[in-house]
């Protein structure tokens, strides 16, 4: 999953909420990286990897292009 946040604080808050939700559901993240910078936060749930980007870094890395042919799911 790839998502964009509007601020470092928002990205870290989303990561914290995902960590809590996963733990609550018996699937805690295996690893978390990037909370210190808040520009690109990665949560590895083994079956699902969540990338939370600042808009600047998401545009720069274009991580979606790795899975260019995969279908996209819009979500708000």
Protein backbone atom coordinates (compact mmCIF):
# COMPACT_ATOMS: atom_id res chain seq x y z
CA UNK A 1 0.00 0.00 0.00
CA UNK A 2 1.26 3.47 -0.86
CA UNK A 3 -0.21 6.61 0.69
CA UNK A 4 0.64 10.29 0.92
CA UNK A 5 0.40 12.47 4.00
CA UNK A 6 0.31 16.23 4.31
CA UNK A 7 2.88 16.54 7.12
CA UNK A 8 5.48 14.56 9.05
CA UNK A 9 3.22 14.58 12.07
CA UNK A 10 0.35 13.11 10.06
CA UNK A 11 2.55 10.36 8.60
CA UNK A 12 3.83 9.33 12.02
CA UNK A 13 0.27 9.42 13.44
CA UNK A 14 -1.00 7.19 10.63
CA UNK A 15 1.90 4.79 11.23
CA UNK A 16 1.10 4.67 14.95
CA UNK A 17 -2.57 3.97 14.24
CA UNK A 18 -1.72 1.20 11.76
CA UNK A 19 0.68 -0.34 14.28
CA UNK A 20 -2.01 -0.31 16.98
CA UNK A 21 -4.67 -1.71 14.65
CA UNK A 22 -2.39 -4.50 13.44
CA UNK A 23 -1.38 -5.40 16.97
CA UNK A 24 -5.02 -5.36 18.10
CA UNK A 25 -5.93 -7.73 15.26
CA UNK A 26 -3.07 -10.13 16.04
CA UNK A 27 -0.87 -8.97 13.17
CA UNK A 28 1.70 -6.54 14.59
CA UNK A 29 4.21 -5.03 12.17
CA UNK A 30 7.41 -7.02 11.83
CA UNK A 31 9.47 -3.88 11.23
CA UNK A 32 8.86 -0.13 11.12
CA UNK A 33 11.29 2.38 9.62
CA UNK A 34 11.29 6.13 9.00
CA UNK A 35 9.27 7.43 11.95
CA UNK A 36 12.23 9.57 12.99
CA UNK A 37 12.19 11.59 9.75
CA UNK A 38 8.48 11.39 8.99
CA UNK A 39 9.09 11.78 5.26
CA UNK A 40 8.89 8.11 4.23
CA UNK A 41 7.56 5.67 6.83
CA UNK A 42 7.48 1.95 6.06
CA UNK A 43 5.51 -0.64 8.04
CA UNK A 44 6.20 -4.27 7.14
CA UNK A 45 3.32 -6.56 8.09
CA UNK A 46 4.92 -9.46 6.11
CA UNK A 47 1.85 -9.98 3.86
CA UNK A 48 1.36 -6.24 3.36
CA UNK A 49 3.96 -3.48 3.25
CA UNK A 50 2.72 0.06 3.86
CA UNK A 51 4.67 3.04 2.47
CA UNK A 52 3.63 6.44 3.83
CA UNK A 53 5.21 9.29 1.87
CA UNK A 54 5.43 13.03 1.99
CA UNK A 55 4.15 14.43 -1.29
CA UNK A 56 7.66 15.52 -2.30
CA UNK A 57 9.25 12.09 -1.79
CA UNK A 58 6.33 10.23 -3.37
CA UNK A 59 6.70 12.32 -6.51
CA UNK A 60 10.48 11.86 -6.47
CA UNK A 61 10.62 8.07 -6.01
CA UNK A 62 7.48 7.13 -8.01
CA UNK A 63 7.35 3.80 -6.18
CA UNK A 64 4.10 2.95 -7.97
CA UNK A 65 6.06 2.43 -11.18
CA UNK A 66 7.53 -0.81 -9.76
CA UNK A 67 4.02 -2.24 -10.01
CA UNK A 68 3.05 -0.20 -13.08
CA UNK A 69 0.62 -2.80 -14.42
CA UNK A 70 -1.11 -3.49 -11.09
CA UNK A 71 -4.60 -2.12 -10.62
CA UNK A 72 -4.95 0.91 -8.37
CA UNK A 73 -7.52 1.26 -5.66
CA UNK A 74 -8.67 4.75 -4.76
CA UNK A 75 -9.21 5.32 -1.05
CA UNK A 76 -9.93 8.30 1.18
